[in-house]
Amino acid sequence: MGRSALIIEAGGERFRFYYDPELPAVLHITWRHGTTPEDAVEAFFDGPAAWNEARARFETVGERHVLYWTRHAHDQSVIVISCFGRWED
């Protein structure tokens, strides 16, 4: 059985935000980086995406946040891997 996800539609895209395995009631990006789905969606549309071959993911650097993401194999929705403020290391 897979992890639970919050699905949000915005700007013609469907976004999947997975809950953290250590704290299943909280989204991974919120628990690990203090960011929200709104932050991730904003970053997605805020900058160009670059493919990182070594990590097999897209990376988008927005004005305020960095977003790591990929596409879901079945419906091509955006799977949010991580989202964090540009000031984080």
Protein backbone atom coordinates (compact mmCIF):
# COMPACT_ATOMS: atom_id res chain seq x y z
CA MET A 1 0.00 0.00 0.00
CA GLY A 2 1.33 3.46 -0.94
CA ARG A 3 1.65 6.56 1.15
CA SER A 4 -1.27 8.94 1.52
CA ALA A 5 -1.19 12.13 -0.49
CA LEU A 6 -2.94 15.47 -0.61
CA ILE A 7 -3.92 16.31 -4.18
CA ILE A 8 -4.39 19.92 -5.24
CA GLU A 9 -5.23 21.28 -8.68
CA ALA A 10 -3.85 24.66 -9.70
CA GLY A 11 -2.99 26.36 -12.98
CA GLY A 12 -4.09 23.36 -15.02
CA GLU A 13 -1.78 20.98 -13.12
CA ARG A 14 -2.50 18.36 -10.49
CA PHE A 15 -0.02 18.32 -7.59
CA ARG A 16 0.61 15.41 -5.19
CA PHE A 17 1.94 16.16 -1.73
CA TYR A 18 2.86 13.11 0.30
CA TYR A 19 2.57 12.83 4.06
CA ASP A 20 5.75 12.20 6.02
CA PRO A 21 6.35 8.54 6.95
CA GLU A 22 7.52 9.51 10.45
CA LEU A 23 4.56 11.82 11.12
CA PRO A 24 1.72 10.59 8.86
CA ALA A 25 -0.67 13.45 9.73
CA VAL A 26 1.73 16.12 8.41
CA LEU A 27 2.89 16.73 4.85
CA HIS A 28 6.54 15.86 4.20
CA ILE A 29 7.42 19.37 2.94
CA THR A 30 5.82 20.96 5.98
CA TRP A 31 7.44 18.63 8.53
CA ARG A 32 10.92 18.71 6.98
CA HIS A 33 11.15 22.27 5.65
CA GLY A 34 8.26 24.31 7.06
CA THR A 35 6.84 24.94 3.58
CA THR A 36 3.27 24.62 2.35
CA PRO A 37 1.56 23.33 -0.77
CA GLU A 38 1.00 26.97 -1.74
CA ASP A 39 4.77 27.59 -1.57
CA ALA A 40 5.43 24.60 -3.84
CA VAL A 41 2.78 25.57 -6.39
CA GLU A 42 4.12 29.12 -6.47
CA ALA A 43 7.68 27.85 -7.02
CA PHE A 44 6.50 25.49 -9.79
CA PHE A 45 5.12 28.40 -11.80
CA ASP A 46 7.81 30.90 -10.70
CA GLY A 47 10.87 29.68 -12.56
CA PRO A 48 12.13 27.38 -15.30
CA ALA A 49 12.51 23.69 -14.55
CA ALA A 50 15.86 22.00 -15.11
CA TRP A 51 16.24 18.22 -15.32
CA ASN A 52 18.79 16.76 -12.88
CA GLU A 53 19.90 13.56 -14.58
CA ALA A 54 21.93 12.31 -11.60
CA ARG A 55 18.93 12.56 -9.26
CA ALA A 56 16.21 11.81 -11.86
CA ARG A 57 14.11 14.83 -10.92
CA PHE A 58 13.18 18.31 -12.06
CA GLU A 59 14.48 21.26 -10.08
CA THR A 60 12.78 24.63 -10.18
CA VAL A 61 14.33 27.63 -8.46
CA GLY A 62 11.71 30.25 -7.78
CA GLU A 63 12.08 33.68 -6.25
CA ARG A 64 11.49 32.40 -2.70
CA HIS A 65 11.61 28.58 -2.87
CA VAL A 66 13.38 25.67 -4.53
CA LEU A 67 11.17 22.81 -5.68
CA TYR A 68 12.23 19.24 -6.49
CA TRP A 69 9.60 17.31 -8.41
CA THR A 70 8.82 14.62 -10.94
CA ARG A 71 5.79 13.35 -12.86
CA HIS A 72 3.50 10.53 -11.75
CA ALA A 73 3.80 7.60 -14.16
CA HIS A 74 0.05 7.04 -14.49
CA ASP A 75 -1.55 10.48 -14.70
CA GLN A 76 1.44 12.81 -15.23
CA SER A 77 0.55 14.81 -12.12
CA VAL A 78 3.37 16.69 -10.37
CA ILE A 79 4.83 14.71 -7.48
CA VAL A 80 6.37 17.18 -5.05
CA ILE A 81 9.55 15.60 -3.69
CA SER A 82 10.77 18.55 -1.66
CA CYS A 83 10.23 22.28 -1.32
CA PHE A 84 12.36 24.56 0.79
CA GLY A 85 13.23 28.22 1.14
CA ARG A 86 16.11 29.49 -0.96
CA TRP A 87 17.88 30.51 2.25
CA GLU A 88 18.14 26.84 3.41
CA ASP A 89 21.17 24.69 2.64
